[in-house]
Amino acid sequence: MLAAARATDLEHVAAELAAGRLRPVMERTYPLTESVDALRTLEAGRVQGKLVVRVGE
């Protein structure tokens, strides 16, 4: 199912983020050298949050 984004909805989400009441869930952070492992984890469907690939320190 796809939903159309409305400006008022996006403004509400932005306000919640700014107020600290809404936070993204980051499951794991990978260094760039392990990005293949990150993709394998994502493709396996075992991800409950976001995967982050760190490019620099």
C-alpha atoms as a PDB file:
ATOM      1  CA  MET A   1       0.000   0.000   0.000  1.00  0.00           C
ATOM      2  CA  LEU A   2       1.306   3.428  -0.907  1.00  0.00           C
ATOM      3  CA  ALA A   3       0.121   6.637   0.675  1.00  0.00           C
ATOM      4  CA  ALA A   4       0.488  10.132  -0.646  1.00  0.00           C
ATOM      5  CA  ALA A   5       2.504  12.415   1.610  1.00  0.00           C
ATOM      6  CA  ARG A   6       0.706  15.556   2.689  1.00  0.00           C
ATOM      7  CA  ALA A   7       2.576  18.658   3.779  1.00  0.00           C
ATOM      8  CA  THR A   8       0.710  18.794   7.090  1.00  0.00           C
ATOM      9  CA  ASP A   9       1.676  15.189   7.867  1.00  0.00           C
ATOM     10  CA  LEU A  10       5.341  15.861   7.117  1.00  0.00           C
ATOM     11  CA  GLU A  11       5.263  19.004   9.251  1.00  0.00           C
ATOM     12  CA  HIS A  12       3.809  16.991  12.138  1.00  0.00           C
ATOM     13  CA  VAL A  13       6.524  14.319  11.843  1.00  0.00           C
ATOM     14  CA  ALA A  14       9.228  17.003  11.673  1.00  0.00           C
ATOM     15  CA  ALA A  15       7.851  18.650  14.818  1.00  0.00           C
ATOM     16  CA  GLU A  16       7.785  15.317  16.679  1.00  0.00           C
ATOM     17  CA  LEU A  17      11.393  14.624  15.641  1.00  0.00           C
ATOM     18  CA  ALA A  18      12.508  18.098  16.716  1.00  0.00           C
ATOM     19  CA  ALA A  19      10.793  17.685  20.094  1.00  0.00           C
ATOM     20  CA  GLY A  20      12.511  14.339  20.667  1.00  0.00           C
ATOM     21  CA  ARG A  21       9.245  12.393  20.852  1.00  0.00           C
ATOM     22  CA  LEU A  22      10.008  10.368  17.741  1.00  0.00           C
ATOM     23  CA  ARG A  23      13.273   8.572  17.099  1.00  0.00           C
ATOM     24  CA  PRO A  24      14.348   6.237  14.305  1.00  0.00           C
ATOM     25  CA  VAL A  25      15.357   2.737  15.380  1.00  0.00           C
ATOM     26  CA  MET A  26      18.860   1.879  14.222  1.00  0.00           C
ATOM     27  CA  GLU A  27      19.528  -1.816  14.541  1.00  0.00           C
ATOM     28  CA  ARG A  28      23.199  -1.810  13.703  1.00  0.00           C
ATOM     29  CA  THR A  29      25.999   0.346  12.323  1.00  0.00           C
ATOM     30  CA  TYR A  30      28.464  -1.147   9.856  1.00  0.00           C
ATOM     31  CA  PRO A  31      31.784   0.313   8.707  1.00  0.00           C
ATOM     32  CA  LEU A  32      31.980   0.817   4.941  1.00  0.00           C
ATOM     33  CA  THR A  33      34.284  -2.202   4.676  1.00  0.00           C
ATOM     34  CA  GLU A  34      31.407  -4.411   5.901  1.00  0.00           C
ATOM     35  CA  SER A  35      28.716  -2.989   3.623  1.00  0.00           C
ATOM     36  CA  VAL A  36      28.323  -6.353   1.867  1.00  0.00           C
ATOM     37  CA  ASP A  37      27.404  -7.911   5.229  1.00  0.00           C
ATOM     38  CA  ALA A  38      24.884  -5.119   5.781  1.00  0.00           C
ATOM     39  CA  LEU A  39      23.242  -5.857   2.427  1.00  0.00           C
ATOM     40  CA  ARG A  40      23.123  -9.575   3.187  1.00  0.00           C
ATOM     41  CA  THR A  41      21.427  -8.884   6.513  1.00  0.00           C
ATOM     42  CA  LEU A  42      18.916  -6.597   4.811  1.00  0.00           C
ATOM     43  CA  GLU A  43      18.164  -9.078   2.040  1.00  0.00           C
ATOM     44  CA  ALA A  44      17.657 -11.888   4.574  1.00  0.00           C
ATOM     45  CA  GLY A  45      14.789  -9.908   6.091  1.00  0.00           C
ATOM     46  CA  ARG A  46      16.189 -10.004   9.618  1.00  0.00           C
ATOM     47  CA  VAL A  47      16.180  -6.250  10.129  1.00  0.00           C
ATOM     48  CA  GLN A  48      13.903  -4.682  12.743  1.00  0.00           C
ATOM     49  CA  GLY A  49      15.209  -1.111  12.393  1.00  0.00           C
ATOM     50  CA  LYS A  50      17.522   0.795  10.092  1.00  0.00           C
ATOM     51  CA  LEU A  51      20.983  -0.324   9.082  1.00  0.00           C
ATOM     52  CA  VAL A  52      23.621   2.383   8.980  1.00  0.00           C
ATOM     53  CA  VAL A  53      26.762   2.187   6.838  1.00  0.00           C
ATOM     54  CA  ARG A  54      29.431   4.504   8.217  1.00  0.00           C
ATOM     55  CA  VAL A  55      31.511   6.138   5.477  1.00  0.00           C
ATOM     56  CA  GLY A  56      33.998   8.040   7.630  1.00  0.00           C
ATOM     57  CA  GLU A  57      34.936   8.488  11.253  1.00  0.00           C
END
